[in-house]
Amino acid sequence: MAGKRVGKWVSPPIKTLLHILLFFCSLLLASSTRAAEQAKPAPDDTITIADLRSDTSAIFHYGTWEGKVAVTKSGLVVLGAKGAQGAGGFGHDLGSSLDFTAVTEIELALAVVPGNKVPAVTIALNDADGTQVSARIAIDQLAPGQPVWVRARKAAFILHSGEKGKDGIMDWSKVARWHLQGDNKTKKPCSVAFIALRARGDYAGYTAQREISTNNGTLTFRHVHNWGSTNVETLFFDFAHHDKFFSPANDFAYVELRDSSGKLLFRSPSPALTKLWISPDSKFVVGLSDVMFYNPYQLVVWRSDGSLVHREHISARVAKMSLEEKEEFAKRFPRAEKFLAERYFLINGNTYLDYSLRGVPNEIGRPAWDFLRPLRAWNPYSDDFSESVTNWVYWFDPEHTELSIAQQGSDLALFLRSPTGMTMTVPLGRR
């Protein structure tokens, strides 16, 4: 049977899609394992609720998903091509209740299948007396065919008006049933592969203070970040003024440099950083970060006198644009062009647009976002970067400490290793 054309995507037959998802699932497992290693949560911080690649015989289905969910080695695939729509779901009664008292995040591994028209999925949880709470997670901006972890904060779950149980109060210490659902308001095809569901504690310290430091024998470079501040989110969504992360408006993070006597050489507000480096000649200090969550910059370079040399947002994927494509984008989407104007950069004569940032789709509009999606390319620094949906970007080798800064022509450049050990060259001062 021929595939059905949907927009720019040609949806292949269902069997073909399932084979594709088997491949993508292996990528998800590698990236999620790596994410866990990077975040280094305590073993008891993660609770596996359901692994949908294993035994699913006890799972019940309802609504338009009844009889339209395929069991595969990659998980449960909701078949929109067979009639599954937003109003549907499946779930499972747990053999024994789970204690989510210390949980702060509920995470779902899924992959959007080409042809999906449902903009969001829902996670619903019931306690032992039947009280149900739920949270919606938007999936309309996810790249089809790419498995990812998405998440909802426990605080975002709201009481279901029709399932208040005996007391109308969710008992998080006795979670007895889970549901994965579509979007009840959307009577359009739902094509999503659900892979796993888990709960986590204080995810990556997003509610805690973190401190790191490094010393080269002469200088000590230190970074402190307090995720408890309410200003983090406020400053992040002020897209036109991300420079405020280096201003007194930033009350949640800073770096400081001290000499061997303890004298303060400089202190500066900063974005969230996860690795620090001091050049051997003590002329430069560098902050790297794999944090994307409310974080506009993953690379910052200062001179030892505190002057800012370079700041850059790093994404695994960017848009690679020809001159004609750039002109067409500006003509068709002038508001989006203006919003993204400072995010263009040149590498080896090619034009790139760093547009993949939390909140940007809402700012530029879906048509502009859809124009850029087919132009997605690997970051020109290296093709082995990876990301979680909104939390992490793995773009450097955290174990490799031999960074260097050197003159390259008329400009400075930073040399470091990619996640798989390839040498990267980052021009400094151009962005």
Protein backbone atom coordinates (compact mmCIF):
# COMPACT_ATOMS: atom_id res chain seq x y z
CA MET A 1 0.00 0.00 0.00
CA ALA A 2 1.40 3.40 -0.91
CA GLY A 3 2.20 5.87 1.86
CA LYS A 4 -0.07 8.86 2.42
CA ARG A 5 1.33 12.32 1.74
CA VAL A 6 1.04 14.71 4.68
CA GLY A 7 2.48 18.18 4.08
CA LYS A 8 6.17 17.76 3.23
CA TRP A 9 6.30 14.32 4.81
CA VAL A 10 5.49 11.12 2.96
CA SER A 11 4.21 8.68 5.52
CA PRO A 12 5.44 5.16 4.69
CA PRO A 13 3.46 2.00 5.37
CA ILE A 14 3.03 1.07 9.03
CA LYS A 15 5.47 -1.87 8.86
CA THR A 16 8.13 0.44 7.46
CA LEU A 17 7.56 2.94 10.25
CA LEU A 18 7.98 0.24 12.87
CA HIS A 19 11.33 -0.81 11.38
CA ILE A 20 12.45 2.82 11.42
CA LEU A 21 11.45 3.17 15.06
CA LEU A 22 13.46 0.07 16.02
CA PHE A 23 16.56 1.88 14.80
CA PHE A 24 15.71 5.17 16.50
CA CYS A 25 15.00 3.40 19.77
CA SER A 26 18.61 2.25 19.98
CA LEU A 27 19.67 5.89 19.64
CA LEU A 28 17.31 6.92 22.42
CA LEU A 29 18.67 4.29 24.77
CA ALA A 30 22.23 5.49 24.16
CA SER A 31 21.35 9.15 24.66
CA SER A 32 19.20 8.55 27.74
CA THR A 33 21.92 6.43 29.36
CA ARG A 34 24.42 9.16 28.63
CA ALA A 35 22.05 11.77 30.05
CA ALA A 36 21.80 9.80 33.27
CA GLU A 37 25.58 9.59 33.50
CA GLN A 38 25.94 13.31 32.93
CA ALA A 39 23.26 14.27 35.48
CA LYS A 40 24.62 11.74 38.00
CA PRO A 41 21.39 11.31 39.98
CA ALA A 42 21.38 9.09 43.04
CA PRO A 43 20.23 5.56 42.14
CA ASP A 44 17.01 5.90 44.13
CA ASP A 45 16.13 9.20 42.46
CA THR A 46 14.70 7.38 39.41
CA ILE A 47 11.58 5.20 39.53
CA THR A 48 10.72 3.19 36.43
CA ILE A 49 6.95 3.28 36.02
CA ALA A 50 6.70 1.40 32.73
CA ASP A 51 9.06 0.04 30.08
CA LEU A 52 6.79 -0.30 27.06
CA ARG A 53 9.34 -2.34 25.13
CA SER A 54 8.81 -5.30 27.44
CA ASP A 55 5.66 -7.11 28.64
CA THR A 56 2.58 -5.02 27.84
CA SER A 57 -0.06 -7.75 28.14
CA ALA A 58 -1.76 -6.18 31.17
CA ILE A 59 -2.17 -2.74 29.58
CA PHE A 60 -5.73 -1.65 28.81
CA HIS A 61 -6.78 0.61 25.90
CA TYR A 62 -9.75 2.91 25.44
CA GLY A 63 -11.33 5.55 23.20
CA THR A 64 -10.14 5.79 19.62
CA TRP A 65 -6.95 3.93 20.57
CA GLU A 66 -8.87 0.70 21.21
CA GLY A 67 -7.49 -1.88 18.78
CA LYS A 68 -5.22 0.69 17.15
CA VAL A 69 -2.02 0.30 19.17
CA ALA A 70 0.78 -1.85 17.75
CA VAL A 71 3.12 -3.77 20.07
CA THR A 72 6.74 -3.49 18.85
CA LYS A 73 10.24 -3.98 20.21
CA SER A 74 10.49 -0.19 20.35
CA GLY A 75 7.36 0.31 22.43
CA LEU A 76 3.66 0.85 21.85
CA VAL A 77 2.87 2.67 18.60
CA VAL A 78 -0.46 4.48 18.34
CA LEU A 79 -1.65 4.10 14.75
CA GLY A 80 -3.17 7.33 13.51
CA ALA A 81 -3.35 5.86 10.01
CA LYS A 82 -5.73 3.22 11.39
CA GLY A 83 -8.05 5.74 13.03
CA ALA A 84 -6.48 6.58 16.40
CA GLN A 85 -7.14 10.22 17.30
CA GLY A 86 -6.54 12.56 20.21
CA ALA A 87 -9.42 11.14 22.25
CA GLY A 88 -7.87 7.90 23.39
CA GLY A 89 -5.37 6.34 25.71
CA PHE A 90 -3.98 3.29 27.42
CA GLY A 91 -2.98 2.55 30.99
CA HIS A 92 -2.00 0.01 33.59
CA ASP A 93 -2.94 -0.85 37.18
CA LEU A 94 0.27 -1.21 39.16
CA GLY A 95 0.66 -4.40 41.17
CA SER A 96 1.73 -2.37 44.19
CA SER A 97 1.50 1.37 44.62
CA LEU A 98 4.54 3.61 44.08
CA ASP A 99 5.68 6.38 46.41
CA PHE A 100 6.21 9.64 44.49
CA THR A 101 6.55 11.83 47.57
CA ALA A 102 10.12 12.84 46.72
CA VAL A 103 9.53 12.94 42.96
CA THR A 104 9.73 16.30 41.17
CA GLU A 105 9.55 15.20 37.51
CA ILE A 106 7.58 12.66 35.47
CA GLU A 107 9.40 11.79 32.23
CA LEU A 108 8.11 10.09 29.10
CA ALA A 109 10.18 8.63 26.27
CA LEU A 110 8.39 8.83 22.93
CA ALA A 111 8.82 9.39 19.22
CA VAL A 112 6.43 11.34 17.03
CA VAL A 113 5.56 9.34 13.91
CA PRO A 114 5.30 11.21 10.57
CA GLY A 115 1.67 12.11 9.94
CA ASN A 116 0.84 12.88 13.57
CA LYS A 117 -1.64 15.75 13.94
CA VAL A 118 -2.15 15.70 17.71
CA PRO A 119 -0.32 18.65 19.34
CA ALA A 120 0.05 17.20 22.83
CA VAL A 121 -0.03 14.03 24.89
CA THR A 122 -1.20 13.62 28.47
CA ILE A 123 0.23 11.75 31.44
CA ALA A 124 -2.43 10.85 34.03
CA LEU A 125 -1.87 9.23 37.41
CA ASN A 126 -4.35 7.80 39.93
CA ASP A 127 -3.83 7.21 43.64
CA ALA A 128 -5.17 4.24 45.57
CA ASP A 129 -8.64 5.74 46.12
CA GLY A 130 -9.12 6.77 42.47
CA THR A 131 -8.13 10.43 42.56
CA GLN A 132 -6.61 11.36 39.19
CA VAL A 133 -4.24 14.14 38.23
CA SER A 134 -2.84 14.84 34.78
CA ALA A 135 -0.39 17.03 32.85
CA ARG A 136 -0.21 17.87 29.13
CA ILE A 137 3.08 17.82 27.22
CA ALA A 138 3.35 19.57 23.86
CA ILE A 139 4.81 17.42 21.07
CA ASP A 140 3.91 19.46 17.99
CA GLN A 141 7.42 20.91 17.70
CA LEU A 142 9.29 17.62 17.96
CA ALA A 143 11.06 16.27 14.89
CA PRO A 144 9.21 13.18 13.57
CA GLY A 145 11.03 9.87 13.91
CA GLN A 146 13.40 11.02 16.64
CA PRO A 147 12.90 9.41 20.09
CA VAL A 148 13.25 11.89 22.96
CA TRP A 149 12.57 12.24 26.67
CA VAL A 150 9.92 14.83 27.51
CA ARG A 151 8.91 15.77 31.01
CA ALA A 152 6.31 17.37 33.25
CA ARG A 153 6.95 18.75 36.70
CA LYS A 154 4.90 17.10 39.43
CA ALA A 155 3.68 20.57 40.39
CA ALA A 156 2.11 20.91 36.92
CA PHE A 157 -0.31 17.99 37.42
CA ILE A 158 -3.89 19.13 38.00
CA LEU A 159 -6.92 17.37 39.46
CA HIS A 160 -9.28 15.69 36.99
CA SER A 161 -12.74 17.11 37.71
CA GLY A 162 -14.44 13.82 36.84
CA GLU A 163 -12.15 11.56 38.89
CA LYS A 164 -11.78 12.99 42.38
CA GLY A 165 -11.73 9.64 44.12
CA LYS A 166 -12.89 9.58 47.72
CA ASP A 167 -11.35 12.82 48.92
CA GLY A 168 -10.33 14.83 45.85
CA ILE A 169 -6.74 14.98 47.10
CA MET A 170 -3.92 13.23 45.25
CA ASP A 171 -1.95 10.95 47.56
CA TRP A 172 1.48 10.96 45.92
CA SER A 173 2.69 8.27 48.32
CA LYS A 174 0.26 5.75 46.80
CA VAL A 175 0.30 6.04 42.98
CA ALA A 176 -1.66 3.01 41.80
CA ARG A 177 -2.41 3.53 38.09
CA TRP A 178 -0.91 5.36 35.13
CA HIS A 179 -2.37 6.48 31.80
CA LEU A 180 -0.86 7.80 28.58
CA GLN A 181 -3.39 9.72 26.52
CA GLY A 182 -3.69 11.96 23.51
CA ASP A 183 -5.33 15.37 23.38
CA ASN A 184 -9.09 14.96 23.83
CA LYS A 185 -9.83 18.19 21.95
CA THR A 186 -8.14 17.02 18.74
CA LYS A 187 -10.13 14.81 16.38
CA LYS A 188 -7.19 14.23 14.09
CA PRO A 189 -4.73 11.34 13.61
CA CYS A 190 -2.55 10.51 16.59
CA SER A 191 0.66 8.77 15.51
CA VAL A 192 3.08 8.42 18.40
CA ALA A 193 5.41 5.68 19.65
CA PHE A 194 5.48 5.46 23.46
CA ILE A 195 8.64 3.87 24.83
CA ALA A 196 8.99 4.34 28.59
CA LEU A 197 7.65 6.24 31.60
CA ARG A 198 9.65 7.12 34.70
CA ALA A 199 9.69 9.44 37.71
CA ARG A 200 12.69 11.32 39.04
CA GLY A 201 13.72 13.31 42.07
CA ASP A 202 15.51 16.64 42.09
CA TYR A 203 16.33 16.58 38.37
CA ALA A 204 19.87 17.78 37.82
CA GLY A 205 19.68 20.00 40.87
CA TYR A 206 17.12 22.35 39.32
CA THR A 207 15.97 23.31 42.81
CA ALA A 208 19.38 23.40 44.45
CA GLN A 209 22.58 25.43 44.55
CA ARG A 210 25.54 24.09 42.60
CA GLU A 211 29.19 25.07 42.91
CA ILE A 212 32.23 24.07 40.84
CA SER A 213 35.80 25.35 40.73
CA THR A 214 39.17 24.74 39.12
CA ASN A 215 42.75 25.78 39.91
CA ASN A 216 45.86 26.01 37.72
CA GLY A 217 48.30 26.55 40.58
CA THR A 218 48.17 30.32 40.25
CA LEU A 219 44.48 31.17 39.89
CA THR A 220 41.23 29.71 41.21
CA PHE A 221 38.14 30.01 39.02
CA ARG A 222 34.81 29.36 40.77
CA HIS A 223 31.17 29.22 39.66
CA VAL A 224 28.00 29.22 41.79
CA HIS A 225 24.48 28.70 40.44
CA ASN A 226 21.30 28.85 42.52
CA TRP A 227 18.36 27.20 40.75
CA GLY A 228 16.02 28.35 43.50
CA SER A 229 15.81 31.92 42.14
CA THR A 230 12.62 32.90 40.35
CA ASN A 231 14.62 35.23 38.09
CA VAL A 232 16.10 32.39 36.02
CA GLU A 233 12.96 31.83 33.97
CA THR A 234 12.14 35.55 33.77
CA LEU A 235 15.51 36.49 32.29
CA PHE A 236 15.56 33.53 29.92
CA PHE A 237 12.26 34.41 28.25
CA ASP A 238 13.35 38.02 27.79
CA PHE A 239 14.92 36.94 24.49
CA ALA A 240 15.90 40.43 23.36
CA HIS A 241 17.96 40.99 26.50
CA HIS A 242 19.87 37.80 27.21
CA ASP A 243 22.83 40.07 27.95
CA LYS A 244 21.14 40.60 31.34
CA PHE A 245 22.56 37.23 32.36
CA PHE A 246 25.83 39.18 32.72
CA SER A 247 24.23 42.06 34.62
CA PRO A 248 23.11 42.73 38.22
CA ALA A 249 19.64 41.54 37.17
CA ASN A 250 21.12 38.05 37.46
CA ASP A 251 20.93 37.21 41.16
CA PHE A 252 21.28 33.44 40.74
CA ALA A 253 24.67 32.69 39.14
CA TYR A 254 28.18 34.12 39.02
CA VAL A 255 31.83 33.33 38.39
CA GLU A 256 34.80 34.69 40.28
CA LEU A 257 38.55 34.55 39.79
CA ARG A 258 41.04 34.77 42.66
CA ASP A 259 44.82 34.69 42.79
CA SER A 260 46.89 32.39 45.03
CA SER A 261 46.60 34.82 47.96
CA GLY A 262 42.83 34.79 47.75
CA LYS A 263 42.57 38.27 46.28
CA LEU A 264 39.48 38.71 44.09
CA LEU A 265 40.47 39.57 40.52
CA PHE A 266 36.94 39.73 39.16
CA ARG A 267 33.42 38.55 39.77
CA SER A 268 30.74 38.48 37.07
CA PRO A 269 27.14 37.28 36.79
CA SER A 270 26.95 34.33 34.41
CA PRO A 271 24.74 31.63 32.90
CA ALA A 272 24.72 28.09 34.32
CA LEU A 273 28.10 26.41 33.77
CA THR A 274 29.19 22.79 34.29
CA LYS A 275 32.92 22.83 33.41
CA LEU A 276 35.59 25.47 34.03
CA TRP A 277 39.05 25.94 32.54
CA ILE A 278 41.96 28.35 33.06
CA SER A 279 44.50 28.82 30.29
CA PRO A 280 48.07 27.80 31.22
CA ASP A 281 49.26 31.40 30.81
CA SER A 282 46.40 32.58 33.08
CA LYS A 283 45.20 35.06 30.46
CA PHE A 284 41.78 33.45 29.85
CA VAL A 285 39.10 31.59 31.78
CA VAL A 286 36.42 29.52 30.07
CA GLY A 287 33.02 28.27 31.21
CA LEU A 288 31.34 25.38 29.37
CA SER A 289 27.83 24.11 29.98
CA ASP A 290 25.70 21.15 28.92
CA VAL A 291 22.60 22.75 30.50
CA MET A 292 19.91 24.01 28.10
CA PHE A 293 17.14 24.44 30.69
CA TYR A 294 16.53 28.22 30.96
CA ASN A 295 20.14 28.74 29.88
CA PRO A 296 20.90 30.98 26.88
CA TYR A 297 24.67 30.33 26.68
CA GLN A 298 26.72 27.12 26.81
CA LEU A 299 30.11 28.74 26.15
CA VAL A 300 31.56 31.84 27.80
CA VAL A 301 35.14 33.15 27.65
CA TRP A 302 36.57 35.93 29.84
CA ARG A 303 39.98 37.49 30.08
CA SER A 304 41.54 37.30 33.52
CA ASP A 305 40.73 40.99 34.07
CA GLY A 306 37.00 40.13 33.78
CA SER A 307 36.38 41.48 30.28
CA LEU A 308 33.98 39.32 28.30
CA VAL A 309 35.54 37.83 25.15
CA HIS A 310 32.84 35.48 23.87
CA ARG A 311 29.41 34.06 24.68
CA GLU A 312 27.55 31.53 22.58
CA HIS A 313 24.45 29.38 22.62
CA ILE A 314 25.18 25.82 21.45
CA SER A 315 22.61 23.51 19.83
CA ALA A 316 23.08 20.07 18.36
CA ARG A 317 21.20 21.12 15.23
CA VAL A 318 21.04 24.45 13.40
CA ALA A 319 19.56 25.59 10.11
CA LYS A 320 22.02 25.65 7.20
CA MET A 321 20.80 28.24 4.70
CA SER A 322 21.74 29.25 1.20
CA LEU A 323 21.58 32.94 0.31
CA GLU A 324 18.29 32.30 -1.52
CA GLU A 325 16.78 30.47 1.45
CA LYS A 326 17.83 33.23 3.82
CA GLU A 327 16.28 35.88 1.57
CA GLU A 328 13.08 33.85 1.19
CA PHE A 329 12.83 33.40 4.94
CA ALA A 330 13.24 37.15 5.51
CA LYS A 331 10.64 37.96 2.85
CA ARG A 332 8.00 35.47 4.00
CA PHE A 333 8.53 35.85 7.74
CA PRO A 334 9.80 39.38 8.49
CA ARG A 335 8.82 39.23 12.16
CA ALA A 336 10.65 35.93 12.66
CA GLU A 337 13.65 37.25 10.70
CA LYS A 338 13.87 40.28 12.97
CA PHE A 339 13.56 38.12 16.07
CA LEU A 340 16.37 35.76 14.95
CA ALA A 341 18.56 38.37 13.24
CA GLU A 342 21.41 38.12 15.76
CA ARG A 343 21.49 34.32 15.70
CA TYR A 344 23.03 33.92 12.22
CA PHE A 345 26.68 32.90 12.01
CA LEU A 346 29.21 31.98 9.33
CA ILE A 347 31.52 28.95 9.39
CA ASN A 348 33.75 28.10 6.41
CA GLY A 349 31.69 30.37 4.16
CA ASN A 350 28.36 28.74 5.06
CA THR A 351 25.47 30.56 6.73
CA TYR A 352 23.86 28.95 9.78
CA LEU A 353 20.96 29.99 11.98
CA ASP A 354 20.93 28.95 15.63
CA TYR A 355 17.15 28.91 16.06
CA SER A 356 16.54 25.87 18.31
CA LEU A 357 15.88 27.47 21.67
CA ARG A 358 13.14 26.86 24.21
CA GLY A 359 10.21 29.20 23.51
CA VAL A 360 11.34 30.27 20.04
CA PRO A 361 8.56 28.38 18.15
CA ASN A 362 5.95 30.41 20.01
CA GLU A 363 7.79 33.64 19.26
CA ILE A 364 8.30 33.15 15.51
CA GLY A 365 5.12 31.20 14.72
CA ARG A 366 4.57 27.70 13.39
CA PRO A 367 4.85 28.56 9.64
CA ALA A 368 8.32 30.08 10.16
CA TRP A 369 9.36 27.12 12.32
CA ASP A 370 8.15 24.68 9.65
CA PHE A 371 10.15 26.58 7.01
CA LEU A 372 13.36 26.08 9.02
CA ARG A 373 12.80 22.44 9.96
CA PRO A 374 13.82 20.93 6.56
CA LEU A 375 17.00 23.03 6.69
CA ARG A 376 18.19 21.39 9.90
CA ALA A 377 21.83 20.31 9.86
CA TRP A 378 24.38 19.20 12.41
CA ASN A 379 26.18 21.98 14.23
CA PRO A 380 29.22 22.82 12.05
CA TYR A 381 31.57 22.47 15.02
CA SER A 382 30.94 18.69 15.08
CA ASP A 383 28.33 16.16 13.97
CA ASP A 384 28.30 14.14 17.19
CA PHE A 385 26.35 16.55 19.41
CA SER A 386 23.11 15.33 20.98
CA GLU A 387 20.31 16.80 23.07
CA SER A 388 17.48 15.89 25.35
CA VAL A 389 14.29 17.80 24.54
CA THR A 390 14.84 20.87 26.71
CA ASN A 391 17.33 19.99 29.42
CA TRP A 392 20.75 19.03 28.07
CA VAL A 393 23.05 19.45 25.10
CA TYR A 394 26.06 17.14 24.93
CA TRP A 395 28.57 19.04 22.83
CA PHE A 396 31.96 18.61 24.55
CA ASP A 397 33.94 15.85 26.24
CA PRO A 398 33.69 16.62 30.00
CA GLU A 399 36.64 14.34 30.77
CA HIS A 400 39.05 16.02 28.35
CA THR A 401 40.81 18.90 30.10
CA GLU A 402 43.28 19.91 27.40
CA LEU A 403 41.53 22.96 26.02
CA SER A 404 43.54 25.71 24.38
CA ILE A 405 43.11 29.23 23.04
CA ALA A 406 45.31 30.43 20.21
CA GLN A 407 45.46 32.99 17.47
CA GLN A 408 43.90 31.83 14.21
CA GLY A 409 44.56 34.42 11.54
CA SER A 410 43.34 37.73 12.92
CA ASP A 411 41.01 36.11 15.46
CA LEU A 412 41.24 34.03 18.59
CA ALA A 413 39.93 30.46 18.58
CA LEU A 414 39.10 27.93 21.26
CA PHE A 415 40.17 24.34 20.67
CA LEU A 416 38.43 21.53 22.55
CA ARG A 417 37.15 17.97 22.11
CA SER A 418 33.68 16.89 21.02
CA PRO A 419 31.74 14.15 22.88
CA THR A 420 33.46 11.43 20.83
CA GLY A 421 36.91 13.02 21.02
CA MET A 422 37.07 14.96 17.75
CA THR A 423 38.95 18.26 17.83
CA MET A 424 36.69 21.30 17.47
CA THR A 425 37.62 24.85 16.60
CA VAL A 426 35.37 27.64 17.87
CA PRO A 427 36.12 31.15 16.58
CA LEU A 428 35.93 33.65 19.43
CA GLY A 429 34.54 37.15 19.46
CA ARG A 430 32.43 36.84 16.30
CA ARG A 431 29.05 36.20 17.94
